[in-house]
Structures are given as structure tokens and as C-alpha cells.
Amino acid sequence: YPPEIRKVIYTTNAIESVNMGLRKVSKNRGSFPSD
């Protein structure tokens, strides 16, 4: 693919930001009682 769109393809940054949000809301929990 052309250089200008390669970054869209080769990084999971889009989902990494989602993971960051999930870590933020769960950081105060030692563990969850169930799935």
C-alpha cells in the first residue's frame, strides 16, 4: 500500500486506545468476582 495509508494498516493503535480506556475504569479493582 502507499506510504500515506500504511500506518492505518500496520498498527493496532485504534484498539490500543480502547484498551487504555478499559484499564482506566478497572484500575481500582483488585479482581472481578466473576466473568
All heavy atoms as atom14 arrays in JSON, in Angstrom:
{
  "sequence": "YPPEIRKVIYTTNAIESVNMGLRKVSKNRGSFPSD",
  "atom14_mask": [
    [1, 1, 1, 1, 1, 1, 1, 1, 1, 1, 1, 1, 0, 0],
    [1, 1, 1, 1, 1, 1, 1, 0, 0, 0, 0, 0, 0, 0],
    [1, 1, 1, 1, 1, 1, 1, 0, 0, 0, 0, 0, 0, 0],
    [1, 1, 1, 1, 1, 1, 1, 1, 1, 0, 0, 0, 0, 0],
    [1, 1, 1, 1, 1, 1, 1, 1, 0, 0, 0, 0, 0, 0],
    [1, 1, 1, 1, 1, 1, 1, 1, 1, 1, 1, 0, 0, 0],
    [1, 1, 1, 1, 1, 1, 1, 1, 1, 0, 0, 0, 0, 0],
    [1, 1, 1, 1, 1, 1, 1, 0, 0, 0, 0, 0, 0, 0],
    [1, 1, 1, 1, 1, 1, 1, 1, 0, 0, 0, 0, 0, 0],
    [1, 1, 1, 1, 1, 1, 1, 1, 1, 1, 1, 1, 0, 0],
    [1, 1, 1, 1, 1, 1, 1, 0, 0, 0, 0, 0, 0, 0],
    [1, 1, 1, 1, 1, 1, 1, 0, 0, 0, 0, 0, 0, 0],
    [1, 1, 1, 1, 1, 1, 1, 1, 0, 0, 0, 0, 0, 0],
    [1, 1, 1, 1, 1, 0, 0, 0, 0, 0, 0, 0, 0, 0],
    [1, 1, 1, 1, 1, 1, 1, 1, 0, 0, 0, 0, 0, 0],
    [1, 1, 1, 1, 1, 1, 1, 1, 1, 0, 0, 0, 0, 0],
    [1, 1, 1, 1, 1, 1, 0, 0, 0, 0, 0, 0, 0, 0],
    [1, 1, 1, 1, 1, 1, 1, 0, 0, 0, 0, 0, 0, 0],
    [1, 1, 1, 1, 1, 1, 1, 1, 0, 0, 0, 0, 0, 0],
    [1, 1, 1, 1, 1, 1, 1, 1, 0, 0, 0, 0, 0, 0],
    [1, 1, 1, 1, 0, 0, 0, 0, 0, 0, 0, 0, 0, 0],
    [1, 1, 1, 1, 1, 1, 1, 1, 0, 0, 0, 0, 0, 0],
    [1, 1, 1, 1, 1, 1, 1, 1, 1, 1, 1, 0, 0, 0],
    [1, 1, 1, 1, 1, 1, 1, 1, 1, 0, 0, 0, 0, 0],
    [1, 1, 1, 1, 1, 1, 1, 0, 0, 0, 0, 0, 0, 0],
    [1, 1, 1, 1, 1, 1, 0, 0, 0, 0, 0, 0, 0, 0],
    [1, 1, 1, 1, 1, 1, 1, 1, 1, 0, 0, 0, 0, 0],
    [1, 1, 1, 1, 1, 1, 1, 1, 0, 0, 0, 0, 0, 0],
    [1, 1, 1, 1, 1, 1, 1, 1, 1, 1, 1, 0, 0, 0],
    [1, 1, 1, 1, 0, 0, 0, 0, 0, 0, 0, 0, 0, 0],
    [1, 1, 1, 1, 1, 1, 0, 0, 0, 0, 0, 0, 0, 0],
    [1, 1, 1, 1, 1, 1, 1, 1, 1, 1, 1, 0, 0, 0],
    [1, 1, 1, 1, 1, 1, 1, 0, 0, 0, 0, 0, 0, 0],
    [1, 1, 1, 1, 1, 1, 0, 0, 0, 0, 0, 0, 0, 0],
    [1, 1, 1, 1, 1, 1, 1, 1, 0, 0, 0, 0, 0, 0]
  ],
  "atom14_positions": [
    [[0.83, -1.21, 0.0], [0.0, 0.0, 0.0], [0.86, 1.26, 0.0], [2.02, 1.24, 0.44], [-0.92, -0.02, 1.23], [-1.82, -1.23, 1.25], [-1.41, -2.4, 1.88], [-3.04, -1.22, 0.59], [-2.19, -3.54, 1.85], [-3.84, -2.35, 0.57], [-3.42, -3.5, 1.2], [-4.21, -4.63, 1.17], [0.0, 0.0, 0.0], [0.0, 0.0, 0.0]],
    [[0.29, 2.38, -0.46], [1.05, 3.64, -0.48], [1.45, 4.06, 0.93], [0.75, 3.76, 1.9], [0.06, 4.63, -1.09], [-0.97, 3.81, -1.78], [-1.06, 2.53, -1.03], [0.0, 0.0, 0.0], [0.0, 0.0, 0.0], [0.0, 0.0, 0.0], [0.0, 0.0, 0.0], [0.0, 0.0, 0.0], [0.0, 0.0, 0.0], [0.0, 0.0, 0.0]],
    [[2.56, 4.79, 1.06], [3.06, 5.2, 2.37], [2.04, 5.94, 3.23], [2.02, 5.77, 4.45], [4.25, 6.1, 2.03], [4.72, 5.62, 0.7], [3.48, 5.17, -0.03], [0.0, 0.0, 0.0], [0.0, 0.0, 0.0], [0.0, 0.0, 0.0], [0.0, 0.0, 0.0], [0.0, 0.0, 0.0], [0.0, 0.0, 0.0], [0.0, 0.0, 0.0]],
    [[1.16, 6.75, 2.6], [0.25, 7.57, 3.4], [-0.82, 6.77, 4.14], [-1.44, 7.27, 5.07], [-0.42, 8.64, 2.52], [-1.31, 8.1, 1.41], [-0.56, 7.91, 0.11], [0.69, 7.85, 0.14], [-1.22, 7.83, -0.94], [0.0, 0.0, 0.0], [0.0, 0.0, 0.0], [0.0, 0.0, 0.0], [0.0, 0.0, 0.0], [0.0, 0.0, 0.0]],
    [[-1.04, 5.51, 3.73], [-2.07, 4.73, 4.43], [-1.49, 3.51, 5.16], [-2.22, 2.73, 5.77], [-3.19, 4.26, 3.48], [-2.66, 3.27, 2.44], [-3.88, 5.44, 2.84], [-3.77, 2.61, 1.62], [0.0, 0.0, 0.0], [0.0, 0.0, 0.0], [0.0, 0.0, 0.0], [0.0, 0.0, 0.0], [0.0, 0.0, 0.0], [0.0, 0.0, 0.0]],
    [[-0.18, 3.35, 5.11], [0.42, 2.18, 5.75], [0.19, 2.13, 7.25], [-0.04, 1.07, 7.82], [1.93, 2.12, 5.45], [2.23, 1.77, 4.01], [3.72, 1.75, 3.73], [3.99, 1.42, 2.33], [5.2, 1.38, 1.81], [6.27, 1.65, 2.56], [5.35, 1.06, 0.54], [0.0, 0.0, 0.0], [0.0, 0.0, 0.0], [0.0, 0.0, 0.0]],
    [[0.24, 3.29, 7.89], [0.1, 3.32, 9.34], [-1.29, 2.86, 9.78], [-1.46, 2.3, 10.86], [0.39, 4.72, 9.87], [0.86, 4.74, 11.31], [1.44, 6.09, 11.69], [2.0, 6.04, 13.1], [2.59, 7.32, 13.52], [0.0, 0.0, 0.0], [0.0, 0.0, 0.0], [0.0, 0.0, 0.0], [0.0, 0.0, 0.0], [0.0, 0.0, 0.0]],
    [[-2.29, 3.12, 8.94], [-3.65, 2.65, 9.23], [-3.65, 1.13, 9.32], [-4.38, 0.54, 10.1], [-4.62, 3.11, 8.11], [-5.99, 2.48, 8.28], [-4.72, 4.62, 8.07], [0.0, 0.0, 0.0], [0.0, 0.0, 0.0], [0.0, 0.0, 0.0], [0.0, 0.0, 0.0], [0.0, 0.0, 0.0], [0.0, 0.0, 0.0], [0.0, 0.0, 0.0]],
    [[-2.8, 0.5, 8.52], [-2.8, -0.95, 8.39], [-1.89, -1.63, 9.4], [-2.25, -2.68, 9.96], [-2.38, -1.34, 6.95], [-3.41, -0.79, 5.96], [-2.21, -2.84, 6.79], [-2.94, -0.8, 4.52], [0.0, 0.0, 0.0], [0.0, 0.0, 0.0], [0.0, 0.0, 0.0], [0.0, 0.0, 0.0], [0.0, 0.0, 0.0], [0.0, 0.0, 0.0]],
    [[-0.72, -1.07, 9.66], [0.26, -1.84, 10.43], [0.29, -1.56, 11.93], [1.17, -2.07, 12.62], [1.67, -1.7, 9.83], [2.4, -0.38, 10.03], [2.7, 0.1, 11.3], [2.86, 0.35, 8.93], [3.41, 1.27, 11.48], [3.56, 1.52, 9.09], [3.84, 1.98, 10.38], [4.55, 3.15, 10.54], [0.0, 0.0, 0.0], [0.0, 0.0, 0.0]],
    [[-0.63, -0.78, 12.46], [-0.67, -0.6, 13.91], [-2.07, -0.86, 14.44], [-3.06, -0.62, 13.75], [-0.26, 0.83, 14.34], [-1.34, 1.72, 14.07], [0.97, 1.31, 13.64], [0.0, 0.0, 0.0], [0.0, 0.0, 0.0], [0.0, 0.0, 0.0], [0.0, 0.0, 0.0], [0.0, 0.0, 0.0], [0.0, 0.0, 0.0], [0.0, 0.0, 0.0]],
    [[-2.12, -1.36, 15.65], [-3.4, -1.57, 16.33], [-3.71, -0.39, 17.25], [-4.4, -0.54, 18.25], [-3.38, -2.88, 17.15], [-2.27, -2.85, 18.05], [-3.3, -4.1, 16.27], [0.0, 0.0, 0.0], [0.0, 0.0, 0.0], [0.0, 0.0, 0.0], [0.0, 0.0, 0.0], [0.0, 0.0, 0.0], [0.0, 0.0, 0.0], [0.0, 0.0, 0.0]],
    [[-3.21, 0.8, 16.89], [-3.43, 1.98, 17.73], [-4.91, 2.23, 17.99], [-5.31, 2.67, 19.07], [-2.82, 3.23, 17.09], [-1.31, 3.27, 17.24], [-0.74, 2.43, 17.92], [-0.65, 4.22, 16.6], [0.0, 0.0, 0.0], [0.0, 0.0, 0.0], [0.0, 0.0, 0.0], [0.0, 0.0, 0.0], [0.0, 0.0, 0.0], [0.0, 0.0, 0.0]],
    [[-5.74, 1.95, 16.98], [-7.18, 2.19, 17.13], [-7.76, 1.41, 18.29], [-8.6, 1.9, 19.04], [-7.9, 1.82, 15.83], [0.0, 0.0, 0.0], [0.0, 0.0, 0.0], [0.0, 0.0, 0.0], [0.0, 0.0, 0.0], [0.0, 0.0, 0.0], [0.0, 0.0, 0.0], [0.0, 0.0, 0.0], [0.0, 0.0, 0.0], [0.0, 0.0, 0.0]],
    [[-7.3, 0.19, 18.46], [-7.83, -0.64, 19.54], [-7.02, -0.46, 20.83], [-7.51, -0.7, 21.93], [-7.87, -2.13, 19.11], [-8.9, -2.9, 19.94], [-6.52, -2.79, 19.18], [-9.23, -4.27, 19.37], [0.0, 0.0, 0.0], [0.0, 0.0, 0.0], [0.0, 0.0, 0.0], [0.0, 0.0, 0.0], [0.0, 0.0, 0.0], [0.0, 0.0, 0.0]],
    [[-5.77, -0.01, 20.69], [-4.96, 0.27, 21.89], [-5.61, 1.36, 22.74], [-5.6, 1.3, 23.96], [-3.55, 0.71, 21.47], [-2.63, -0.42, 21.09], [-1.99, -1.08, 22.3], [-1.34, -0.4, 23.1], [-2.18, -2.3, 22.45], [0.0, 0.0, 0.0], [0.0, 0.0, 0.0], [0.0, 0.0, 0.0], [0.0, 0.0, 0.0], [0.0, 0.0, 0.0]],
    [[-6.19, 2.38, 22.09], [-6.84, 3.44, 22.84], [-8.08, 2.92, 23.58], [-8.41, 3.39, 24.66], [-7.24, 4.59, 21.9], [-8.17, 4.14, 20.93], [0.0, 0.0, 0.0], [0.0, 0.0, 0.0], [0.0, 0.0, 0.0], [0.0, 0.0, 0.0], [0.0, 0.0, 0.0], [0.0, 0.0, 0.0], [0.0, 0.0, 0.0], [0.0, 0.0, 0.0]],
    [[-8.73, 1.91, 22.99], [-9.86, 1.27, 23.66], [-9.37, 0.56, 24.92], [-9.95, 0.68, 26.0], [-10.56, 0.27, 22.71], [-11.64, -0.52, 23.46], [-11.17, 1.0, 21.53], [0.0, 0.0, 0.0], [0.0, 0.0, 0.0], [0.0, 0.0, 0.0], [0.0, 0.0, 0.0], [0.0, 0.0, 0.0], [0.0, 0.0, 0.0], [0.0, 0.0, 0.0]],
    [[-8.28, -0.2, 24.77], [-7.71, -0.91, 25.91], [-7.32, 0.05, 27.03], [-7.47, -0.26, 28.21], [-6.49, -1.72, 25.47], [-6.87, -2.93, 24.64], [-8.04, -3.31, 24.59], [-5.89, -3.54, 24.0], [0.0, 0.0, 0.0], [0.0, 0.0, 0.0], [0.0, 0.0, 0.0], [0.0, 0.0, 0.0], [0.0, 0.0, 0.0], [0.0, 0.0, 0.0]],
    [[-6.79, 1.2, 26.65], [-6.41, 2.2, 27.64], [-7.62, 2.65, 28.46], [-7.55, 2.8, 29.68], [-5.76, 3.41, 26.95], [-5.05, 4.37, 27.88], [-4.33, 5.77, 26.97], [-3.25, 4.91, 25.83], [0.0, 0.0, 0.0], [0.0, 0.0, 0.0], [0.0, 0.0, 0.0], [0.0, 0.0, 0.0], [0.0, 0.0, 0.0], [0.0, 0.0, 0.0]],
    [[-8.75, 2.85, 27.75], [-9.97, 3.23, 28.44], [-10.45, 2.15, 29.39], [-10.93, 2.45, 30.49], [0.0, 0.0, 0.0], [0.0, 0.0, 0.0], [0.0, 0.0, 0.0], [0.0, 0.0, 0.0], [0.0, 0.0, 0.0], [0.0, 0.0, 0.0], [0.0, 0.0, 0.0], [0.0, 0.0, 0.0], [0.0, 0.0, 0.0], [0.0, 0.0, 0.0]],
    [[-10.32, 0.89, 29.0], [-10.74, -0.22, 29.85], [-9.84, -0.34, 31.07], [-10.31, -0.62, 32.18], [-10.74, -1.53, 29.06], [-11.76, -1.62, 27.92], [-11.65, -2.96, 27.22], [-13.18, -1.41, 28.43], [0.0, 0.0, 0.0], [0.0, 0.0, 0.0], [0.0, 0.0, 0.0], [0.0, 0.0, 0.0], [0.0, 0.0, 0.0], [0.0, 0.0, 0.0]],
    [[-8.54, -0.13, 30.88], [-7.62, -0.17, 32.03], [-7.95, 0.94, 33.01], [-7.84, 0.77, 34.23], [-6.17, -0.04, 31.55], [-5.66, -1.26, 30.8], [-4.17, -1.16, 30.53], [-3.71, -2.25, 29.69], [-3.54, -2.18, 28.38], [-3.76, -1.02, 27.76], [-3.14, -3.21, 27.69], [0.0, 0.0, 0.0], [0.0, 0.0, 0.0], [0.0, 0.0, 0.0]],
    [[-8.36, 2.07, 32.49], [-8.67, 3.22, 33.34], [-9.85, 2.92, 34.27], [-9.82, 3.24, 35.45], [-8.97, 4.44, 32.47], [-9.18, 5.73, 33.25], [-9.4, 6.9, 32.3], [-9.62, 8.2, 33.06], [-9.86, 9.34, 32.14], [0.0, 0.0, 0.0], [0.0, 0.0, 0.0], [0.0, 0.0, 0.0], [0.0, 0.0, 0.0], [0.0, 0.0, 0.0]],
    [[-10.9, 2.29, 33.73], [-12.09, 2.04, 34.55], [-11.91, 0.86, 35.5], [-12.66, 0.72, 36.47], [-13.36, 1.82, 33.69], [-13.67, 3.05, 32.87], [-13.25, 0.58, 32.83], [0.0, 0.0, 0.0], [0.0, 0.0, 0.0], [0.0, 0.0, 0.0], [0.0, 0.0, 0.0], [0.0, 0.0, 0.0], [0.0, 0.0, 0.0], [0.0, 0.0, 0.0]],
    [[-10.92, 0.0, 35.22], [-10.75, -1.18, 36.08], [-9.52, -1.1, 36.98], [-9.24, -2.05, 37.71], [-10.67, -2.44, 35.21], [-9.6, -2.36, 34.29], [0.0, 0.0, 0.0], [0.0, 0.0, 0.0], [0.0, 0.0, 0.0], [0.0, 0.0, 0.0], [0.0, 0.0, 0.0], [0.0, 0.0, 0.0], [0.0, 0.0, 0.0], [0.0, 0.0, 0.0]],
    [[-8.82, 0.03, 36.97], [-7.55, 0.12, 37.7], [-7.73, 0.02, 39.21], [-6.82, -0.39, 39.94], [-6.82, 1.41, 37.34], [-7.52, 2.69, 37.78], [-6.73, 3.92, 37.37], [-7.44, 5.2, 37.8], [-6.7, 6.41, 37.39], [0.0, 0.0, 0.0], [0.0, 0.0, 0.0], [0.0, 0.0, 0.0], [0.0, 0.0, 0.0], [0.0, 0.0, 0.0]],
    [[-8.91, 0.4, 39.73], [-9.12, 0.37, 41.18], [-9.62, -0.99, 41.69], [-9.87, -1.15, 42.88], [-10.13, 1.46, 41.59], [-9.58, 2.86, 41.36], [-8.37, 3.08, 41.47], [-10.45, 3.8, 41.02], [0.0, 0.0, 0.0], [0.0, 0.0, 0.0], [0.0, 0.0, 0.0], [0.0, 0.0, 0.0], [0.0, 0.0, 0.0], [0.0, 0.0, 0.0]],
    [[-9.8, -1.93, 40.8], [-10.31, -3.25, 41.19], [-9.16, -4.24, 41.29], [-8.41, -4.43, 40.33], [-11.33, -3.75, 40.17], [-12.59, -2.92, 40.12], [-13.46, -3.35, 38.96], [-14.67, -2.54, 38.88], [-15.85, -2.91, 39.34], [-15.99, -4.08, 39.93], [-16.9, -2.12, 39.22], [0.0, 0.0, 0.0], [0.0, 0.0, 0.0], [0.0, 0.0, 0.0]],
    [[-9.07, -4.9, 42.42], [-8.06, -5.93, 42.55], [-8.38, -7.11, 41.65], [-7.53, -7.64, 40.95], [0.0, 0.0, 0.0], [0.0, 0.0, 0.0], [0.0, 0.0, 0.0], [0.0, 0.0, 0.0], [0.0, 0.0, 0.0], [0.0, 0.0, 0.0], [0.0, 0.0, 0.0], [0.0, 0.0, 0.0], [0.0, 0.0, 0.0], [0.0, 0.0, 0.0]],
    [[-9.65, -7.5, 41.66], [-10.11, -8.59, 40.81], [-11.62, -8.49, 40.65], [-12.3, -7.79, 41.39], [-9.74, -9.95, 41.41], [-10.39, -10.12, 42.67], [0.0, 0.0, 0.0], [0.0, 0.0, 0.0], [0.0, 0.0, 0.0], [0.0, 0.0, 0.0], [0.0, 0.0, 0.0], [0.0, 0.0, 0.0], [0.0, 0.0, 0.0], [0.0, 0.0, 0.0]],
    [[-12.14, -9.2, 39.65], [-13.58, -9.25, 39.42], [-14.14, -10.51, 40.05], [-13.49, -11.56, 40.01], [-13.87, -9.23, 37.92], [-13.58, -7.92, 37.25], [-12.32, -7.66, 36.72], [-14.56, -6.95, 37.14], [-12.04, -6.46, 36.1], [-14.29, -5.73, 36.52], [-13.03, -5.49, 36.0], [0.0, 0.0, 0.0], [0.0, 0.0, 0.0], [0.0, 0.0, 0.0]],
    [[-15.35, -10.46, 40.61], [-15.91, -11.66, 41.25], [-16.3, -12.76, 40.27], [-16.43, -13.92, 40.66], [-17.16, -11.12, 41.99], [-17.51, -9.85, 41.29], [-16.22, -9.29, 40.79], [0.0, 0.0, 0.0], [0.0, 0.0, 0.0], [0.0, 0.0, 0.0], [0.0, 0.0, 0.0], [0.0, 0.0, 0.0], [0.0, 0.0, 0.0], [0.0, 0.0, 0.0]],
    [[-16.51, -12.4, 38.99], [-16.92, -13.4, 38.0], [-16.67, -12.87, 36.59], [-16.43, -11.67, 36.4], [-18.42, -13.72, 38.16], [-19.19, -12.56, 37.86], [0.0, 0.0, 0.0], [0.0, 0.0, 0.0], [0.0, 0.0, 0.0], [0.0, 0.0, 0.0], [0.0, 0.0, 0.0], [0.0, 0.0, 0.0], [0.0, 0.0, 0.0], [0.0, 0.0, 0.0]],
    [[-16.76, -13.77, 35.62], [-16.65, -13.35, 34.22], [-17.76, -12.36, 33.86], [-17.52, -11.39, 33.11], [-16.75, -14.57, 33.29], [-15.48, -15.4, 33.28], [-14.51, -15.01, 33.95], [-15.46, -16.45, 32.6], [0.0, 0.0, 0.0], [0.0, 0.0, 0.0], [0.0, 0.0, 0.0], [0.0, 0.0, 0.0], [0.0, 0.0, 0.0], [0.0, 0.0, 0.0]]
  ]
}
